[in-house]
Amino acid sequence: SVSPEYFDVLGVPMAAGRTFRSDELRAPVVILNHNTWISRFSADAGIIGRTIKLSKVDFTVIGVSAESFSGLHRLVREEMYIPTESVALIAADPVRFE
């Protein structure tokens, strides 16, 4: 989970879609890591606006991070990004793609 300003502060462009808006603090929205977009969604540009299930909750895909961005943690493979405050939506269940 990241702050809504995460991508803007780091200057990370989107390969598709957009970054988080300040009014989406608790919204079920997700930005996919570029590698996840390719490996799980076959680089389908139509994924923007569609929903994916994360721990039984529908999240709307709003963006895909730039190919050059792999996250800030070298030892952690970041597959997706959700607003920090929306973690409560999935806190009762471990995060899983469905």
PDB file of N, CA and C in Angstrom:
ATOM      1  N   SER A   1       0.846  -1.181   0.000  1.00  0.00           N
ATOM      2  CA  SER A   1       0.000   0.000   0.000  1.00  0.00           C
ATOM      3  C   SER A   1       0.883   1.232   0.000  1.00  0.00           C
ATOM      4  N   VAL A   2       0.400   2.271  -0.647  1.00  0.00           N
ATOM      5  CA  VAL A   2       1.176   3.507  -0.797  1.00  0.00           C
ATOM      6  C   VAL A   2       0.274   4.712  -0.572  1.00  0.00           C
ATOM      7  N   SER A   3       0.911   5.858  -0.321  1.00  0.00           N
ATOM      8  CA  SER A   3       0.144   7.099  -0.193  1.00  0.00           C
ATOM      9  C   SER A   3      -0.368   7.500  -1.578  1.00  0.00           C
ATOM     10  N   PRO A   4      -1.442   8.269  -1.633  1.00  0.00           N
ATOM     11  CA  PRO A   4      -1.971   8.679  -2.935  1.00  0.00           C
ATOM     12  C   PRO A   4      -0.958   9.477  -3.771  1.00  0.00           C
ATOM     13  N   GLU A   5       0.002  10.123  -3.119  1.00  0.00           N
ATOM     14  CA  GLU A   5       0.993  10.944  -3.822  1.00  0.00           C
ATOM     15  C   GLU A   5       2.246  10.166  -4.231  1.00  0.00           C
ATOM     16  N   TYR A   6       2.314   8.899  -3.896  1.00  0.00           N
ATOM     17  CA  TYR A   6       3.499   8.069  -4.097  1.00  0.00           C
ATOM     18  C   TYR A   6       4.129   8.231  -5.479  1.00  0.00           C
ATOM     19  N   PHE A   7       3.368   7.997  -6.514  1.00  0.00           N
ATOM     20  CA  PHE A   7       3.912   8.049  -7.875  1.00  0.00           C
ATOM     21  C   PHE A   7       4.277   9.463  -8.289  1.00  0.00           C
ATOM     22  N   ASP A   8       3.464  10.428  -7.882  1.00  0.00           N
ATOM     23  CA  ASP A   8       3.739  11.817  -8.232  1.00  0.00           C
ATOM     24  C   ASP A   8       5.016  12.314  -7.559  1.00  0.00           C
ATOM     25  N   VAL A   9       5.185  12.008  -6.275  1.00  0.00           N
ATOM     26  CA  VAL A   9       6.378  12.434  -5.539  1.00  0.00           C
ATOM     27  C   VAL A   9       7.636  11.816  -6.145  1.00  0.00           C
ATOM     28  N   LEU A  10       7.559  10.551  -6.522  1.00  0.00           N
ATOM     29  CA  LEU A  10       8.713   9.863  -7.105  1.00  0.00           C
ATOM     30  C   LEU A  10       8.910  10.190  -8.587  1.00  0.00           C
ATOM     31  N   GLY A  11       7.948  10.862  -9.192  1.00  0.00           N
ATOM     32  CA  GLY A  11       8.046  11.203 -10.611  1.00  0.00           C
ATOM     33  C   GLY A  11       7.909  10.001 -11.522  1.00  0.00           C
ATOM     34  N   VAL A  12       7.137   9.010 -11.081  1.00  0.00           N
ATOM     35  CA  VAL A  12       6.944   7.793 -11.871  1.00  0.00           C
ATOM     36  C   VAL A  12       5.774   7.989 -12.830  1.00  0.00           C
ATOM     37  N   PRO A  13       6.027   7.932 -14.126  1.00  0.00           N
ATOM     38  CA  PRO A  13       4.926   8.045 -15.088  1.00  0.00           C
ATOM     39  C   PRO A  13       4.151   6.733 -15.183  1.00  0.00           C
ATOM     40  N   MET A  14       2.989   6.817 -15.730  1.00  0.00           N
ATOM     41  CA  MET A  14       2.173   5.631 -15.940  1.00  0.00           C
ATOM     42  C   MET A  14       2.344   5.151 -17.386  1.00  0.00           C
ATOM     43  N   ALA A  15       2.441   3.852 -17.552  1.00  0.00           N
ATOM     44  CA  ALA A  15       2.476   3.263 -18.895  1.00  0.00           C
ATOM     45  C   ALA A  15       1.074   3.283 -19.492  1.00  0.00           C
ATOM     46  N   ALA A  16       0.079   3.229 -18.612  1.00  0.00           N
ATOM     47  CA  ALA A  16      -1.323   3.275 -19.024  1.00  0.00           C
ATOM     48  C   ALA A  16      -2.130   3.811 -17.847  1.00  0.00           C
ATOM     49  N   GLY A  17      -3.202   4.486 -18.141  1.00  0.00           N
ATOM     50  CA  GLY A  17      -4.075   4.974 -17.084  1.00  0.00           C
ATOM     51  C   GLY A  17      -3.501   6.164 -16.344  1.00  0.00           C
ATOM     52  N   ARG A  18      -3.804   6.220 -15.049  1.00  0.00           N
ATOM     53  CA  ARG A  18      -3.444   7.385 -14.235  1.00  0.00           C
ATOM     54  C   ARG A  18      -3.011   6.956 -12.833  1.00  0.00           C
ATOM     55  N   THR A  19      -2.539   7.935 -12.059  1.00  0.00           N
ATOM     56  CA  THR A  19      -2.171   7.698 -10.672  1.00  0.00           C
ATOM     57  C   THR A  19      -3.402   7.919  -9.790  1.00  0.00           C
ATOM     58  N   PHE A  20      -3.222   7.745  -8.486  1.00  0.00           N
ATOM     59  CA  PHE A  20      -4.310   7.932  -7.533  1.00  0.00           C
ATOM     60  C   PHE A  20      -4.691   9.409  -7.424  1.00  0.00           C
ATOM     61  N   ARG A  21      -5.960   9.651  -7.146  1.00  0.00           N
ATOM     62  CA  ARG A  21      -6.439  11.001  -6.832  1.00  0.00           C
ATOM     63  C   ARG A  21      -6.579  11.105  -5.315  1.00  0.00           C
ATOM     64  N   SER A  22      -6.529  12.314  -4.799  1.00  0.00           N
ATOM     65  CA  SER A  22      -6.608  12.513  -3.344  1.00  0.00           C
ATOM     66  C   SER A  22      -7.954  12.080  -2.770  1.00  0.00           C
ATOM     67  N   ASP A  23      -8.995  12.022  -3.594  1.00  0.00           N
ATOM     68  CA  ASP A  23     -10.309  11.601  -3.088  1.00  0.00           C
ATOM     69  C   ASP A  23     -10.483  10.080  -3.098  1.00  0.00           C
ATOM     70  N   GLU A  24      -9.415   9.342  -3.394  1.00  0.00           N
ATOM     71  CA  GLU A  24      -9.490   7.882  -3.463  1.00  0.00           C
ATOM     72  C   GLU A  24      -8.765   7.203  -2.292  1.00  0.00           C
ATOM     73  N   LEU A  25      -8.692   7.876  -1.154  1.00  0.00           N
ATOM     74  CA  LEU A  25      -7.957   7.331  -0.014  1.00  0.00           C
ATOM     75  C   LEU A  25      -8.469   5.972   0.423  1.00  0.00           C
ATOM     76  N   ARG A  26      -9.774   5.787   0.423  1.00  0.00           N
ATOM     77  CA  ARG A  26     -10.366   4.518   0.868  1.00  0.00           C
ATOM     78  C   ARG A  26     -11.061   3.771  -0.276  1.00  0.00           C
ATOM     79  N   ALA A  27     -10.801   4.191  -1.470  1.00  0.00           N
ATOM     80  CA  ALA A  27     -11.472   3.592  -2.624  1.00  0.00           C
ATOM     81  C   ALA A  27     -10.815   2.270  -3.021  1.00  0.00           C
ATOM     82  N   PRO A  28     -11.598   1.350  -3.539  1.00  0.00           N
ATOM     83  CA  PRO A  28     -11.033   0.089  -4.020  1.00  0.00           C
ATOM     84  C   PRO A  28     -10.472   0.250  -5.438  1.00  0.00           C
ATOM     85  N   VAL A  29      -9.321   0.935  -5.515  1.00  0.00           N
ATOM     86  CA  VAL A  29      -8.644   1.155  -6.793  1.00  0.00           C
ATOM     87  C   VAL A  29      -7.230   0.600  -6.694  1.00  0.00           C
ATOM     88  N   VAL A  30      -6.670   0.205  -7.822  1.00  0.00           N
ATOM     89  CA  VAL A  30      -5.353  -0.427  -7.836  1.00  0.00           C
ATOM     90  C   VAL A  30      -4.575   0.023  -9.073  1.00  0.00           C
ATOM     91  N   ILE A  31      -3.264   0.168  -8.874  1.00  0.00           N
ATOM     92  CA  ILE A  31      -2.335   0.400  -9.979  1.00  0.00           C
ATOM     93  C   ILE A  31      -1.469  -0.848 -10.076  1.00  0.00           C
ATOM     94  N   LEU A  32      -1.361  -1.391 -11.258  1.00  0.00           N
ATOM     95  CA  LEU A  32      -0.565  -2.597 -11.475  1.00  0.00           C
ATOM     96  C   LEU A  32       0.880  -2.241 -11.765  1.00  0.00           C
ATOM     97  N   ASN A  33       1.803  -3.044 -11.263  1.00  0.00           N
ATOM     98  CA  ASN A  33       3.193  -2.937 -11.653  1.00  0.00           C
ATOM     99  C   ASN A  33       3.273  -3.376 -13.118  1.00  0.00           C
ATOM    100  N   HIS A  34       4.159  -2.790 -13.871  1.00  0.00           N
ATOM    101  CA  HIS A  34       4.271  -3.086 -15.301  1.00  0.00           C
ATOM    102  C   HIS A  34       4.479  -4.578 -15.565  1.00  0.00           C
ATOM    103  N   ASN A  35       5.351  -5.223 -14.784  1.00  0.00           N
ATOM    104  CA  ASN A  35       5.604  -6.667 -14.976  1.00  0.00           C
ATOM    105  C   ASN A  35       4.364  -7.506 -14.693  1.00  0.00           C
ATOM    106  N   THR A  36       3.586  -7.113 -13.702  1.00  0.00           N
ATOM    107  CA  THR A  36       2.335  -7.815 -13.400  1.00  0.00           C
ATOM    108  C   THR A  36       1.356  -7.661 -14.549  1.00  0.00           C
ATOM    109  N   TRP A  37       1.288  -6.469 -15.095  1.00  0.00           N
ATOM    110  CA  TRP A  37       0.408  -6.190 -16.234  1.00  0.00           C
ATOM    111  C   TRP A  37       0.751  -7.115 -17.404  1.00  0.00           C
ATOM    112  N   ILE A  38       2.034  -7.308 -17.645  1.00  0.00           N
ATOM    113  CA  ILE A  38       2.456  -8.178 -18.749  1.00  0.00           C
ATOM    114  C   ILE A  38       2.214  -9.650 -18.421  1.00  0.00           C
ATOM    115  N   SER A  39       2.676 -10.089 -17.245  1.00  0.00           N
ATOM    116  CA  SER A  39       2.621 -11.519 -16.934  1.00  0.00           C
ATOM    117  C   SER A  39       1.226 -12.033 -16.609  1.00  0.00           C
ATOM    118  N   ARG A  40       0.406 -11.243 -15.952  1.00  0.00           N
ATOM    119  CA  ARG A  40      -0.922 -11.719 -15.557  1.00  0.00           C
ATOM    120  C   ARG A  40      -2.049 -11.263 -16.474  1.00  0.00           C
ATOM    121  N   PHE A  41      -1.813 -10.159 -17.199  1.00  0.00           N
ATOM    122  CA  PHE A  41      -2.889  -9.599 -18.010  1.00  0.00           C
ATOM    123  C   PHE A  41      -2.489  -9.418 -19.473  1.00  0.00           C
ATOM    124  N   SER A  42      -1.394 -10.035 -19.885  1.00  0.00           N
ATOM    125  CA  SER A  42      -0.921 -10.031 -21.273  1.00  0.00           C
ATOM    126  C   SER A  42      -0.838  -8.633 -21.873  1.00  0.00           C
ATOM    127  N   ALA A  43      -0.456  -7.663 -21.052  1.00  0.00           N
ATOM    128  CA  ALA A  43      -0.301  -6.265 -21.485  1.00  0.00           C
ATOM    129  C   ALA A  43      -1.575  -5.721 -22.148  1.00  0.00           C
ATOM    130  N   ASP A  44      -2.714  -6.174 -21.676  1.00  0.00           N
ATOM    131  CA  ASP A  44      -4.004  -5.757 -22.219  1.00  0.00           C
ATOM    132  C   ASP A  44      -4.318  -4.327 -21.788  1.00  0.00           C
ATOM    133  N   ALA A  45      -4.295  -3.386 -22.728  1.00  0.00           N
ATOM    134  CA  ALA A  45      -4.598  -1.981 -22.422  1.00  0.00           C
ATOM    135  C   ALA A  45      -6.035  -1.825 -21.943  1.00  0.00           C
ATOM    136  N   GLY A  46      -6.880  -2.782 -22.257  1.00  0.00           N
ATOM    137  CA  GLY A  46      -8.274  -2.748 -21.836  1.00  0.00           C
ATOM    138  C   GLY A  46      -8.476  -3.042 -20.359  1.00  0.00           C
ATOM    139  N   ILE A  47      -7.400  -3.347 -19.646  1.00  0.00           N
ATOM    140  CA  ILE A  47      -7.525  -3.625 -18.210  1.00  0.00           C
ATOM    141  C   ILE A  47      -7.903  -2.358 -17.438  1.00  0.00           C
ATOM    142  N   ILE A  48      -7.544  -1.209 -17.956  1.00  0.00           N
ATOM    143  CA  ILE A  48      -7.874   0.050 -17.285  1.00  0.00           C
ATOM    144  C   ILE A  48      -9.399   0.196 -17.237  1.00  0.00           C
ATOM    145  N   GLY A  49      -9.903   0.386 -16.017  1.00  0.00           N
ATOM    146  CA  GLY A  49     -11.348   0.512 -15.821  1.00  0.00           C
ATOM    147  C   GLY A  49     -12.035  -0.793 -15.461  1.00  0.00           C
ATOM    148  N   ARG A  50     -11.354  -1.911 -15.661  1.00  0.00           N
ATOM    149  CA  ARG A  50     -11.934  -3.196 -15.282  1.00  0.00           C
ATOM    150  C   ARG A  50     -11.650  -3.483 -13.817  1.00  0.00           C
ATOM    151  N   THR A  51     -12.358  -4.446 -13.268  1.00  0.00           N
ATOM    152  CA  THR A  51     -12.135  -4.812 -11.874  1.00  0.00           C
ATOM    153  C   THR A  51     -11.405  -6.142 -11.780  1.00  0.00           C
ATOM    154  N   ILE A  52     -10.597  -6.255 -10.737  1.00  0.00           N
ATOM    155  CA  ILE A  52      -9.957  -7.514 -10.388  1.00  0.00           C
ATOM    156  C   ILE A  52     -10.265  -7.760  -8.916  1.00  0.00           C
ATOM    157  N   LYS A  53     -10.321  -9.013  -8.542  1.00  0.00           N
ATOM    158  CA  LYS A  53     -10.603  -9.353  -7.142  1.00  0.00           C
ATOM    159  C   LYS A  53      -9.298  -9.477  -6.374  1.00  0.00           C
ATOM    160  N   LEU A  54      -9.240  -8.768  -5.254  1.00  0.00           N
ATOM    161  CA  LEU A  54      -8.146  -8.890  -4.304  1.00  0.00           C
ATOM    162  C   LEU A  54      -8.773  -9.293  -2.992  1.00  0.00           C
ATOM    163  N   SER A  55      -8.533 -10.519  -2.593  1.00  0.00           N
ATOM    164  CA  SER A  55      -9.120 -11.049  -1.354  1.00  0.00           C
ATOM    165  C   SER A  55     -10.627 -10.839  -1.306  1.00  0.00           C
ATOM    166  N   LYS A  56     -11.291 -11.233  -2.362  1.00  0.00           N
ATOM    167  CA  LYS A  56     -12.750 -11.218  -2.485  1.00  0.00           C
ATOM    168  C   LYS A  56     -13.364  -9.827  -2.635  1.00  0.00           C
ATOM    169  N   VAL A  57     -12.544  -8.805  -2.785  1.00  0.00           N
ATOM    170  CA  VAL A  57     -13.040  -7.434  -2.959  1.00  0.00           C
ATOM    171  C   VAL A  57     -12.707  -6.989  -4.378  1.00  0.00           C
ATOM    172  N   ASP A  58     -13.673  -6.391  -5.065  1.00  0.00           N
ATOM    173  CA  ASP A  58     -13.448  -5.867  -6.408  1.00  0.00           C
ATOM    174  C   ASP A  58     -12.686  -4.546  -6.334  1.00  0.00           C
ATOM    175  N   PHE A  59     -11.546  -4.504  -7.002  1.00  0.00           N
ATOM    176  CA  PHE A  59     -10.745  -3.288  -7.121  1.00  0.00           C
ATOM    177  C   PHE A  59     -10.717  -2.877  -8.587  1.00  0.00           C
ATOM    178  N   THR A  60     -10.903  -1.613  -8.857  1.00  0.00           N
ATOM    179  CA  THR A  60     -10.853  -1.101 -10.219  1.00  0.00           C
ATOM    180  C   THR A  60      -9.420  -0.741 -10.577  1.00  0.00           C
ATOM    181  N   VAL A  61      -8.947  -1.270 -11.699  1.00  0.00           N
ATOM    182  CA  VAL A  61      -7.599  -0.959 -12.176  1.00  0.00           C
ATOM    183  C   VAL A  61      -7.644   0.434 -12.802  1.00  0.00           C
ATOM    184  N   ILE A  62      -6.823   1.341 -12.251  1.00  0.00           N
ATOM    185  CA  ILE A  62      -6.808   2.717 -12.777  1.00  0.00           C
ATOM    186  C   ILE A  62      -5.513   3.047 -13.501  1.00  0.00           C
ATOM    187  N   GLY A  63      -4.483   2.217 -13.319  1.00  0.00           N
ATOM    188  CA  GLY A  63      -3.218   2.521 -13.972  1.00  0.00           C
ATOM    189  C   GLY A  63      -2.254   1.362 -13.988  1.00  0.00           C
ATOM    190  N   VAL A  64      -1.193   1.546 -14.776  1.00  0.00           N
ATOM    191  CA  VAL A  64      -0.079   0.598 -14.874  1.00  0.00           C
ATOM    192  C   VAL A  64       1.190   1.424 -14.770  1.00  0.00           C
ATOM    193  N   SER A  65       2.065   1.070 -13.841  1.00  0.00           N
ATOM    194  CA  SER A  65       3.295   1.848 -13.671  1.00  0.00           C
ATOM    195  C   SER A  65       4.221   1.686 -14.873  1.00  0.00           C
ATOM    196  N   ALA A  66       5.130   2.631 -15.007  1.00  0.00           N
ATOM    197  CA  ALA A  66       6.095   2.611 -16.106  1.00  0.00           C
ATOM    198  C   ALA A  66       6.975   1.366 -16.035  1.00  0.00           C
ATOM    199  N   GLU A  67       7.391   0.891 -17.178  1.00  0.00           N
ATOM    200  CA  GLU A  67       8.241  -0.296 -17.249  1.00  0.00           C
ATOM    201  C   GLU A  67       9.536  -0.112 -16.461  1.00  0.00           C
ATOM    202  N   SER A  68      10.057   1.094 -16.427  1.00  0.00           N
ATOM    203  CA  SER A  68      11.321   1.368 -15.751  1.00  0.00           C
ATOM    204  C   SER A  68      11.215   1.368 -14.229  1.00  0.00           C
ATOM    205  N   PHE A  69       9.986   1.321 -13.685  1.00  0.00           N
ATOM    206  CA  PHE A  69       9.801   1.390 -12.243  1.00  0.00           C
ATOM    207  C   PHE A  69       9.514   0.006 -11.678  1.00  0.00           C
ATOM    208  N   SER A  70      10.386  -0.459 -10.781  1.00  0.00           N
ATOM    209  CA  SER A  70      10.170  -1.772 -10.166  1.00  0.00           C
ATOM    210  C   SER A  70       9.898  -1.663  -8.678  1.00  0.00           C
ATOM    211  N   GLY A  71       9.696  -0.453  -8.195  1.00  0.00           N
ATOM    212  CA  GLY A  71       9.408  -0.253  -6.784  1.00  0.00           C
ATOM    213  C   GLY A  71      10.630   0.210  -6.024  1.00  0.00           C
ATOM    214  N   LEU A  72      10.435   0.520  -4.764  1.00  0.00           N
ATOM    215  CA  LEU A  72      11.518   1.036  -3.931  1.00  0.00           C
ATOM    216  C   LEU A  72      12.250  -0.044  -3.158  1.00  0.00           C
ATOM    217  N   HIS A  73      11.684  -1.229  -3.087  1.00  0.00           N
ATOM    218  CA  HIS A  73      12.259  -2.305  -2.285  1.00  0.00           C
ATOM    219  C   HIS A  73      12.888  -3.354  -3.191  1.00  0.00           C
ATOM    220  N   ARG A  74      14.185  -3.453  -3.151  1.00  0.00           N
ATOM    221  CA  ARG A  74      14.899  -4.390  -4.031  1.00  0.00           C
ATOM    222  C   ARG A  74      14.590  -5.853  -3.735  1.00  0.00           C
ATOM    223  N   LEU A  75      14.273  -6.172  -2.494  1.00  0.00           N
ATOM    224  CA  LEU A  75      14.042  -7.567  -2.116  1.00  0.00           C
ATOM    225  C   LEU A  75      12.573  -7.959  -2.142  1.00  0.00           C
ATOM    226  N   VAL A  76      11.709  -7.022  -2.479  1.00  0.00           N
ATOM    227  CA  VAL A  76      10.271  -7.285  -2.511  1.00  0.00           C
ATOM    228  C   VAL A  76       9.770  -7.028  -3.925  1.00  0.00           C
ATOM    229  N   ARG A  77       9.079  -7.987  -4.472  1.00  0.00           N
ATOM    230  CA  ARG A  77       8.491  -7.827  -5.806  1.00  0.00           C
ATOM    231  C   ARG A  77       7.112  -7.197  -5.645  1.00  0.00           C
ATOM    232  N   GLU A  78       7.000  -5.936  -6.005  1.00  0.00           N
ATOM    233  CA  GLU A  78       5.730  -5.226  -5.887  1.00  0.00           C
ATOM    234  C   GLU A  78       4.886  -5.507  -7.122  1.00  0.00           C
ATOM    235  N   GLU A  79       3.749  -6.141  -6.925  1.00  0.00           N
ATOM    236  CA  GLU A  79       2.888  -6.508  -8.045  1.00  0.00           C
ATOM    237  C   GLU A  79       1.814  -5.470  -8.326  1.00  0.00           C
ATOM    238  N   MET A  80       1.402  -4.776  -7.277  1.00  0.00           N
ATOM    239  CA  MET A  80       0.327  -3.799  -7.429  1.00  0.00           C
ATOM    240  C   MET A  80       0.434  -2.803  -6.296  1.00  0.00           C
ATOM    241  N   TYR A  81      -0.310  -1.717  -6.429  1.00  0.00           N
ATOM    242  CA  TYR A  81      -0.288  -0.654  -5.440  1.00  0.00           C
ATOM    243  C   TYR A  81      -1.721  -0.225  -5.155  1.00  0.00           C
ATOM    244  N   ILE A  82      -2.066  -0.146  -3.869  1.00  0.00           N
ATOM    245  CA  ILE A  82      -3.377   0.337  -3.468  1.00  0.00           C
ATOM    246  C   ILE A  82      -3.167   1.467  -2.469  1.00  0.00           C
ATOM    247  N   PRO A  83      -4.143   2.380  -2.357  1.00  0.00           N
ATOM    248  CA  PRO A  83      -4.016   3.446  -1.369  1.00  0.00           C
ATOM    249  C   PRO A  83      -3.937   2.852   0.043  1.00  0.00           C
ATOM    250  N   THR A  84      -3.073   3.389   0.878  1.00  0.00           N
ATOM    251  CA  THR A  84      -2.855   2.867   2.221  1.00  0.00           C
ATOM    252  C   THR A  84      -4.151   2.702   2.997  1.00  0.00           C
ATOM    253  N   GLU A  85      -5.015   3.666   2.920  1.00  0.00           N
ATOM    254  CA  GLU A  85      -6.251   3.611   3.699  1.00  0.00           C
ATOM    255  C   GLU A  85      -7.229   2.547   3.196  1.00  0.00           C
ATOM    256  N   SER A  86      -7.045   2.054   1.994  1.00  0.00           N
ATOM    257  CA  SER A  86      -7.953   1.019   1.491  1.00  0.00           C
ATOM    258  C   SER A  86      -7.526  -0.380   1.916  1.00  0.00           C
ATOM    259  N   VAL A  87      -6.418  -0.495   2.625  1.00  0.00           N
ATOM    260  CA  VAL A  87      -5.984  -1.797   3.145  1.00  0.00           C
ATOM    261  C   VAL A  87      -7.058  -2.400   4.039  1.00  0.00           C
ATOM    262  N   ALA A  88      -7.796  -1.560   4.735  1.00  0.00           N
ATOM    263  CA  ALA A  88      -8.865  -2.047   5.618  1.00  0.00           C
ATOM    264  C   ALA A  88      -9.894  -2.882   4.858  1.00  0.00           C
ATOM    265  N   LEU A  89     -10.040  -2.645   3.566  1.00  0.00           N
ATOM    266  CA  LEU A  89     -10.999  -3.411   2.767  1.00  0.00           C
ATOM    267  C   LEU A  89     -10.607  -4.877   2.646  1.00  0.00           C
ATOM    268  N   ILE A  90      -9.318  -5.159   2.729  1.00  0.00           N
ATOM    269  CA  ILE A  90      -8.832  -6.526   2.531  1.00  0.00           C
ATOM    270  C   ILE A  90      -8.101  -7.066   3.752  1.00  0.00           C
ATOM    271  N   ALA A  91      -8.077  -6.324   4.845  1.00  0.00           N
ATOM    272  CA  ALA A  91      -7.288  -6.685   6.020  1.00  0.00           C
ATOM    273  C   ALA A  91      -7.685  -8.021   6.641  1.00  0.00           C
ATOM    274  N   ALA A  92      -8.911  -8.420   6.519  1.00  0.00           N
ATOM    275  CA  ALA A  92      -9.362  -9.658   7.145  1.00  0.00           C
ATOM    276  C   ALA A  92      -8.914 -10.902   6.392  1.00  0.00           C
ATOM    277  N   ASP A  93      -8.415 -10.728   5.179  1.00  0.00           N
ATOM    278  CA  ASP A  93      -8.058 -11.846   4.320  1.00  0.00           C
ATOM    279  C   ASP A  93      -6.686 -11.579   3.695  1.00  0.00           C
ATOM    280  N   PRO A  94      -5.807 -12.568   3.591  1.00  0.00           N
ATOM    281  CA  PRO A  94      -4.543 -12.343   2.879  1.00  0.00           C
ATOM    282  C   PRO A  94      -4.836 -11.965   1.425  1.00  0.00           C
ATOM    283  N   VAL A  95      -4.037 -11.088   0.865  1.00  0.00           N
ATOM    284  CA  VAL A  95      -4.259 -10.627  -0.509  1.00  0.00           C
ATOM    285  C   VAL A  95      -3.994 -11.750  -1.496  1.00  0.00           C
ATOM    286  N   ARG A  96      -4.954 -12.000  -2.369  1.00  0.00           N
ATOM    287  CA  ARG A  96      -4.830 -13.000  -3.427  1.00  0.00           C
ATOM    288  C   ARG A  96      -5.485 -12.442  -4.683  1.00  0.00           C
ATOM    289  N   PHE A  97      -4.881 -12.765  -5.827  1.00  0.00           N
ATOM    290  CA  PHE A  97      -5.519 -12.497  -7.117  1.00  0.00           C
ATOM    291  C   PHE A  97      -6.566 -13.558  -7.328  1.00  0.00           C
ATOM    292  N   GLU A  98      -7.712 -13.186  -7.848  1.00  0.00           N
ATOM    293  CA  GLU A  98      -8.726 -14.178  -8.228  1.00  0.00           C
ATOM    294  C   GLU A  98      -9.187 -13.884  -9.632  1.00  0.00           C
TER     295      GLU A  98
END
